[in-house]
Amino acid sequence: MLEKDSSVLGYPGEISKPLDADHHGVCKYASQEDPRYVTVRNVLKTLVGKVGLNGPFQPPLLPHSSSGY
């Protein structure tokens, strides 16, 4: 499980949803009825719908870090 601070990018309007999985399990699903699959599918459908309405996706700039990373 990741801490929330490690799982968000900091984009304006970003929505974070917990998934009951580790890094390997977030992309492997038992079936299309798997609740993790349904969650990810729905988020992707929403993003695709937004791109279709607003033209090409352009991610917002991330806050600049003075650490150089």
PDB file of N, CA and C in Angstrom:
ATOM      1  N   MET A   1       0.827  -1.163   0.000  1.00  0.00           N
ATOM      2  CA  MET A   1       0.000   0.000   0.000  1.00  0.00           C
ATOM      3  C   MET A   1       0.889   1.250   0.000  1.00  0.00           C
ATOM      4  N   LEU A   2       0.544   2.212  -0.811  1.00  0.00           N
ATOM      5  CA  LEU A   2       1.278   3.471  -0.857  1.00  0.00           C
ATOM      6  C   LEU A   2       0.623   4.500   0.046  1.00  0.00           C
ATOM      7  N   GLU A   3       1.428   5.354   0.606  1.00  0.00           N
ATOM      8  CA  GLU A   3       0.882   6.504   1.316  1.00  0.00           C
ATOM      9  C   GLU A   3       0.281   7.441   0.274  1.00  0.00           C
ATOM     10  N   LYS A   4      -0.769   8.159   0.628  1.00  0.00           N
ATOM     11  CA  LYS A   4      -1.437   9.046  -0.332  1.00  0.00           C
ATOM     12  C   LYS A   4      -0.458  10.048  -0.929  1.00  0.00           C
ATOM     13  N   ASP A   5       0.450  10.605  -0.122  1.00  0.00           N
ATOM     14  CA  ASP A   5       1.412  11.584  -0.631  1.00  0.00           C
ATOM     15  C   ASP A   5       2.291  11.002  -1.737  1.00  0.00           C
ATOM     16  N   SER A   6       2.499   9.704  -1.733  1.00  0.00           N
ATOM     17  CA  SER A   6       3.320   9.052  -2.755  1.00  0.00           C
ATOM     18  C   SER A   6       2.521   8.642  -3.980  1.00  0.00           C
ATOM     19  N   SER A   7       1.210   8.800  -3.925  1.00  0.00           N
ATOM     20  CA  SER A   7       0.386   8.294  -5.013  1.00  0.00           C
ATOM     21  C   SER A   7      -0.354   9.375  -5.791  1.00  0.00           C
ATOM     22  N   VAL A   8      -0.039  10.639  -5.522  1.00  0.00           N
ATOM     23  CA  VAL A   8      -0.681  11.726  -6.258  1.00  0.00           C
ATOM     24  C   VAL A   8       0.385  12.560  -6.960  1.00  0.00           C
ATOM     25  N   LEU A   9      -0.023  13.211  -8.048  1.00  0.00           N
ATOM     26  CA  LEU A   9       0.907  14.025  -8.821  1.00  0.00           C
ATOM     27  C   LEU A   9       0.815  15.503  -8.496  1.00  0.00           C
ATOM     28  N   GLY A  10      -0.280  15.925  -7.865  1.00  0.00           N
ATOM     29  CA  GLY A  10      -0.442  17.312  -7.502  1.00  0.00           C
ATOM     30  C   GLY A  10      -1.102  18.170  -8.561  1.00  0.00           C
ATOM     31  N   TYR A  11      -1.751  17.551  -9.547  1.00  0.00           N
ATOM     32  CA  TYR A  11      -2.453  18.305 -10.581  1.00  0.00           C
ATOM     33  C   TYR A  11      -3.700  18.958  -9.994  1.00  0.00           C
ATOM     34  N   PRO A  12      -4.046  20.154 -10.466  1.00  0.00           N
ATOM     35  CA  PRO A  12      -5.296  20.769 -10.023  1.00  0.00           C
ATOM     36  C   PRO A  12      -6.482  19.875 -10.394  1.00  0.00           C
ATOM     37  N   GLY A  13      -7.384  19.671  -9.472  1.00  0.00           N
ATOM     38  CA  GLY A  13      -8.549  18.840  -9.736  1.00  0.00           C
ATOM     39  C   GLY A  13      -8.263  17.345  -9.742  1.00  0.00           C
ATOM     40  N   GLU A  14      -7.052  16.956  -9.409  1.00  0.00           N
ATOM     41  CA  GLU A  14      -6.693  15.528  -9.400  1.00  0.00           C
ATOM     42  C   GLU A  14      -7.531  14.783  -8.371  1.00  0.00           C
ATOM     43  N   ILE A  15      -7.969  13.596  -8.740  1.00  0.00           N
ATOM     44  CA  ILE A  15      -8.747  12.750  -7.844  1.00  0.00           C
ATOM     45  C   ILE A  15      -7.945  11.491  -7.588  1.00  0.00           C
ATOM     46  N   SER A  16      -7.787  11.136  -6.337  1.00  0.00           N
ATOM     47  CA  SER A  16      -7.056   9.935  -5.954  1.00  0.00           C
ATOM     48  C   SER A  16      -8.044   8.919  -5.407  1.00  0.00           C
ATOM     49  N   LYS A  17      -7.966   7.689  -5.918  1.00  0.00           N
ATOM     50  CA  LYS A  17      -8.841   6.621  -5.433  1.00  0.00           C
ATOM     51  C   LYS A  17      -7.968   5.469  -4.960  1.00  0.00           C
ATOM     52  N   PRO A  18      -8.253   4.931  -3.789  1.00  0.00           N
ATOM     53  CA  PRO A  18      -7.462   3.792  -3.319  1.00  0.00           C
ATOM     54  C   PRO A  18      -7.803   2.515  -4.083  1.00  0.00           C
ATOM     55  N   LEU A  19      -6.796   1.700  -4.323  1.00  0.00           N
ATOM     56  CA  LEU A  19      -6.978   0.377  -4.915  1.00  0.00           C
ATOM     57  C   LEU A  19      -6.356  -0.633  -3.970  1.00  0.00           C
ATOM     58  N   ASP A  20      -7.033  -1.722  -3.744  1.00  0.00           N
ATOM     59  CA  ASP A  20      -6.534  -2.765  -2.852  1.00  0.00           C
ATOM     60  C   ASP A  20      -5.569  -3.656  -3.638  1.00  0.00           C
ATOM     61  N   ALA A  21      -4.342  -3.137  -3.869  1.00  0.00           N
ATOM     62  CA  ALA A  21      -3.357  -3.880  -4.663  1.00  0.00           C
ATOM     63  C   ALA A  21      -1.980  -3.267  -4.464  1.00  0.00           C
ATOM     64  N   ASP A  22      -0.959  -4.072  -4.773  1.00  0.00           N
ATOM     65  CA  ASP A  22       0.398  -3.547  -4.780  1.00  0.00           C
ATOM     66  C   ASP A  22       0.714  -3.061  -6.199  1.00  0.00           C
ATOM     67  N   HIS A  23       1.966  -2.692  -6.457  1.00  0.00           N
ATOM     68  CA  HIS A  23       2.326  -2.160  -7.774  1.00  0.00           C
ATOM     69  C   HIS A  23       2.060  -3.159  -8.904  1.00  0.00           C
ATOM     70  N   HIS A  24       2.216  -4.434  -8.635  1.00  0.00           N
ATOM     71  CA  HIS A  24       1.954  -5.444  -9.674  1.00  0.00           C
ATOM     72  C   HIS A  24       0.459  -5.680  -9.853  1.00  0.00           C
ATOM     73  N   GLY A  25      -0.273  -5.633  -8.766  1.00  0.00           N
ATOM     74  CA  GLY A  25      -1.694  -5.940  -8.810  1.00  0.00           C
ATOM     75  C   GLY A  25      -2.574  -4.857  -9.407  1.00  0.00           C
ATOM     76  N   VAL A  26      -2.052  -3.628  -9.513  1.00  0.00           N
ATOM     77  CA  VAL A  26      -2.892  -2.558 -10.057  1.00  0.00           C
ATOM     78  C   VAL A  26      -3.108  -2.692 -11.555  1.00  0.00           C
ATOM     79  N   CYS A  27      -2.362  -3.569 -12.210  1.00  0.00           N
ATOM     80  CA  CYS A  27      -2.532  -3.722 -13.659  1.00  0.00           C
ATOM     81  C   CYS A  27      -2.888  -5.155 -14.054  1.00  0.00           C
ATOM     82  N   LYS A  28      -3.181  -5.999 -13.083  1.00  0.00           N
ATOM     83  CA  LYS A  28      -3.558  -7.394 -13.358  1.00  0.00           C
ATOM     84  C   LYS A  28      -4.891  -7.668 -12.675  1.00  0.00           C
ATOM     85  N   TYR A  29      -5.857  -8.092 -13.469  1.00  0.00           N
ATOM     86  CA  TYR A  29      -7.211  -8.274 -12.952  1.00  0.00           C
ATOM     87  C   TYR A  29      -7.707  -9.681 -13.244  1.00  0.00           C
ATOM     88  N   ALA A  30      -8.506 -10.218 -12.350  1.00  0.00           N
ATOM     89  CA  ALA A  30      -9.049 -11.570 -12.520  1.00  0.00           C
ATOM     90  C   ALA A  30     -10.050 -11.627 -13.672  1.00  0.00           C
ATOM     91  N   SER A  31     -10.811 -10.540 -13.854  1.00  0.00           N
ATOM     92  CA  SER A  31     -11.819 -10.487 -14.923  1.00  0.00           C
ATOM     93  C   SER A  31     -12.264  -9.038 -15.092  1.00  0.00           C
ATOM     94  N   GLN A  32     -13.151  -8.817 -16.041  1.00  0.00           N
ATOM     95  CA  GLN A  32     -13.694  -7.477 -16.245  1.00  0.00           C
ATOM     96  C   GLN A  32     -14.670  -7.084 -15.131  1.00  0.00           C
ATOM     97  N   GLU A  33     -15.019  -8.028 -14.290  1.00  0.00           N
ATOM     98  CA  GLU A  33     -15.880  -7.741 -13.142  1.00  0.00           C
ATOM     99  C   GLU A  33     -15.076  -7.430 -11.876  1.00  0.00           C
ATOM    100  N   ASP A  34     -13.763  -7.610 -11.927  1.00  0.00           N
ATOM    101  CA  ASP A  34     -12.891  -7.315 -10.796  1.00  0.00           C
ATOM    102  C   ASP A  34     -13.093  -5.847 -10.399  1.00  0.00           C
ATOM    103  N   PRO A  35     -13.399  -5.563  -9.132  1.00  0.00           N
ATOM    104  CA  PRO A  35     -13.653  -4.178  -8.710  1.00  0.00           C
ATOM    105  C   PRO A  35     -12.493  -3.228  -9.025  1.00  0.00           C
ATOM    106  N   ARG A  36     -11.258  -3.716  -8.952  1.00  0.00           N
ATOM    107  CA  ARG A  36     -10.113  -2.862  -9.293  1.00  0.00           C
ATOM    108  C   ARG A  36     -10.140  -2.512 -10.780  1.00  0.00           C
ATOM    109  N   TYR A  37     -10.464  -3.480 -11.618  1.00  0.00           N
ATOM    110  CA  TYR A  37     -10.568  -3.237 -13.058  1.00  0.00           C
ATOM    111  C   TYR A  37     -11.666  -2.209 -13.335  1.00  0.00           C
ATOM    112  N   VAL A  38     -12.814  -2.376 -12.708  1.00  0.00           N
ATOM    113  CA  VAL A  38     -13.946  -1.469 -12.923  1.00  0.00           C
ATOM    114  C   VAL A  38     -13.554  -0.043 -12.528  1.00  0.00           C
ATOM    115  N   THR A  39     -12.860   0.122 -11.410  1.00  0.00           N
ATOM    116  CA  THR A  39     -12.428   1.443 -10.963  1.00  0.00           C
ATOM    117  C   THR A  39     -11.508   2.094 -11.987  1.00  0.00           C
ATOM    118  N   VAL A  40     -10.491   1.365 -12.414  1.00  0.00           N
ATOM    119  CA  VAL A  40      -9.528   1.918 -13.379  1.00  0.00           C
ATOM    120  C   VAL A  40     -10.212   2.190 -14.714  1.00  0.00           C
ATOM    121  N   ARG A  41     -11.046   1.272 -15.166  1.00  0.00           N
ATOM    122  CA  ARG A  41     -11.769   1.461 -16.430  1.00  0.00           C
ATOM    123  C   ARG A  41     -12.613   2.730 -16.389  1.00  0.00           C
ATOM    124  N   ASN A  42     -13.321   2.944 -15.294  1.00  0.00           N
ATOM    125  CA  ASN A  42     -14.192   4.110 -15.190  1.00  0.00           C
ATOM    126  C   ASN A  42     -13.401   5.420 -15.194  1.00  0.00           C
ATOM    127  N   VAL A  43     -12.258   5.424 -14.520  1.00  0.00           N
ATOM    128  CA  VAL A  43     -11.415   6.621 -14.524  1.00  0.00           C
ATOM    129  C   VAL A  43     -10.906   6.891 -15.939  1.00  0.00           C
ATOM    130  N   LEU A  44     -10.460   5.847 -16.630  1.00  0.00           N
ATOM    131  CA  LEU A  44      -9.974   6.024 -18.000  1.00  0.00           C
ATOM    132  C   LEU A  44     -11.075   6.509 -18.934  1.00  0.00           C
ATOM    133  N   LYS A  45     -12.277   5.976 -18.775  1.00  0.00           N
ATOM    134  CA  LYS A  45     -13.407   6.427 -19.593  1.00  0.00           C
ATOM    135  C   LYS A  45     -13.688   7.909 -19.358  1.00  0.00           C
ATOM    136  N   THR A  46     -13.600   8.340 -18.111  1.00  0.00           N
ATOM    137  CA  THR A  46     -13.816   9.744 -17.795  1.00  0.00           C
ATOM    138  C   THR A  46     -12.758  10.622 -18.457  1.00  0.00           C
ATOM    139  N   LEU A  47     -11.497  10.204 -18.367  1.00  0.00           N
ATOM    140  CA  LEU A  47     -10.415  10.978 -18.977  1.00  0.00           C
ATOM    141  C   LEU A  47     -10.556  11.043 -20.492  1.00  0.00           C
ATOM    142  N   VAL A  48     -10.882   9.930 -21.114  1.00  0.00           N
ATOM    143  CA  VAL A  48     -11.070   9.905 -22.563  1.00  0.00           C
ATOM    144  C   VAL A  48     -12.229  10.811 -22.959  1.00  0.00           C
ATOM    145  N   GLY A  49     -13.287  10.789 -22.169  1.00  0.00           N
ATOM    146  CA  GLY A  49     -14.418  11.667 -22.441  1.00  0.00           C
ATOM    147  C   GLY A  49     -14.036  13.138 -22.360  1.00  0.00           C
ATOM    148  N   LYS A  50     -13.198  13.495 -21.401  1.00  0.00           N
ATOM    149  CA  LYS A  50     -12.750  14.878 -21.262  1.00  0.00           C
ATOM    150  C   LYS A  50     -11.876  15.286 -22.444  1.00  0.00           C
ATOM    151  N   VAL A  51     -11.026  14.407 -22.895  1.00  0.00           N
ATOM    152  CA  VAL A  51     -10.167  14.699 -24.037  1.00  0.00           C
ATOM    153  C   VAL A  51     -11.024  14.908 -25.275  1.00  0.00           C
ATOM    154  N   GLY A  52     -12.040  14.081 -25.444  1.00  0.00           N
ATOM    155  CA  GLY A  52     -12.924  14.207 -26.589  1.00  0.00           C
ATOM    156  C   GLY A  52     -13.661  15.527 -26.606  1.00  0.00           C
ATOM    157  N   LEU A  53     -13.968  16.067 -25.437  1.00  0.00           N
ATOM    158  CA  LEU A  53     -14.702  17.322 -25.354  1.00  0.00           C
ATOM    159  C   LEU A  53     -13.802  18.541 -25.450  1.00  0.00           C
ATOM    160  N   ASN A  54     -12.589  18.421 -24.986  1.00  0.00           N
ATOM    161  CA  ASN A  54     -11.712  19.586 -24.863  1.00  0.00           C
ATOM    162  C   ASN A  54     -10.509  19.574 -25.793  1.00  0.00           C
ATOM    163  N   GLY A  55     -10.429  18.655 -26.716  1.00  0.00           N
ATOM    164  CA  GLY A  55      -9.273  18.581 -27.601  1.00  0.00           C
ATOM    165  C   GLY A  55      -8.146  17.800 -26.957  1.00  0.00           C
ATOM    166  N   PRO A  56      -6.932  17.917 -27.490  1.00  0.00           N
ATOM    167  CA  PRO A  56      -5.793  17.134 -26.972  1.00  0.00           C
ATOM    168  C   PRO A  56      -5.524  17.441 -25.504  1.00  0.00           C
ATOM    169  N   PHE A  57      -5.176  16.398 -24.768  1.00  0.00           N
ATOM    170  CA  PHE A  57      -4.873  16.542 -23.343  1.00  0.00           C
ATOM    171  C   PHE A  57      -3.531  17.228 -23.175  1.00  0.00           C
ATOM    172  N   GLN A  58      -3.497  18.237 -22.332  1.00  0.00           N
ATOM    173  CA  GLN A  58      -2.251  18.900 -21.990  1.00  0.00           C
ATOM    174  C   GLN A  58      -2.169  18.943 -20.473  1.00  0.00           C
ATOM    175  N   PRO A  59      -1.306  18.092 -19.897  1.00  0.00           N
ATOM    176  CA  PRO A  59      -1.229  18.061 -18.435  1.00  0.00           C
ATOM    177  C   PRO A  59      -0.731  19.387 -17.890  1.00  0.00           C
ATOM    178  N   PRO A  60      -1.235  19.791 -16.735  1.00  0.00           N
ATOM    179  CA  PRO A  60      -0.758  21.027 -16.130  1.00  0.00           C
ATOM    180  C   PRO A  60       0.684  20.882 -15.694  1.00  0.00           C
ATOM    181  N   LEU A  61       1.378  21.986 -15.599  1.00  0.00           N
ATOM    182  CA  LEU A  61       2.759  21.952 -15.133  1.00  0.00           C
ATOM    183  C   LEU A  61       2.786  21.604 -13.661  1.00  0.00           C
ATOM    184  N   LEU A  62       3.718  20.762 -13.291  1.00  0.00           N
ATOM    185  CA  LEU A  62       3.896  20.420 -11.889  1.00  0.00           C
ATOM    186  C   LEU A  62       4.643  21.544 -11.177  1.00  0.00           C
ATOM    187  N   PRO A  63       4.385  21.709  -9.894  1.00  0.00           N
ATOM    188  CA  PRO A  63       5.145  22.723  -9.152  1.00  0.00           C
ATOM    189  C   PRO A  63       6.636  22.432  -9.264  1.00  0.00           C
ATOM    190  N   HIS A  64       7.437  23.451  -9.462  1.00  0.00           N
ATOM    191  CA  HIS A  64       8.891  23.295  -9.611  1.00  0.00           C
ATOM    192  C   HIS A  64       9.517  22.956  -8.267  1.00  0.00           C
ATOM    193  N   SER A  65      10.388  21.985  -8.275  1.00  0.00           N
ATOM    194  CA  SER A  65      11.097  21.594  -7.062  1.00  0.00           C
ATOM    195  C   SER A  65      12.490  22.200  -7.091  1.00  0.00           C
ATOM    196  N   SER A  66      12.908  22.781  -6.003  1.00  0.00           N
ATOM    197  CA  SER A  66      14.246  23.375  -5.938  1.00  0.00           C
ATOM    198  C   SER A  66      15.316  22.320  -5.683  1.00  0.00           C
ATOM    199  N   SER A  67      14.914  21.060  -5.488  1.00  0.00           N
ATOM    200  CA  SER A  67      15.899  20.009  -5.195  1.00  0.00           C
ATOM    201  C   SER A  67      16.657  19.562  -6.439  1.00  0.00           C
ATOM    202  N   GLY A  68      16.163  19.927  -7.637  1.00  0.00           N
ATOM    203  CA  GLY A  68      16.850  19.533  -8.858  1.00  0.00           C
ATOM    204  C   GLY A  68      16.422  18.185  -9.377  1.00  0.00           C
ATOM    205  N   TYR A  69      15.440  17.532  -8.749  1.00  0.00           N
ATOM    206  CA  TYR A  69      14.986  16.219  -9.209  1.00  0.00           C
ATOM    207  C   TYR A  69      13.685  16.336  -9.941  1.00  0.00           C
TER     208      TYR A  69
END
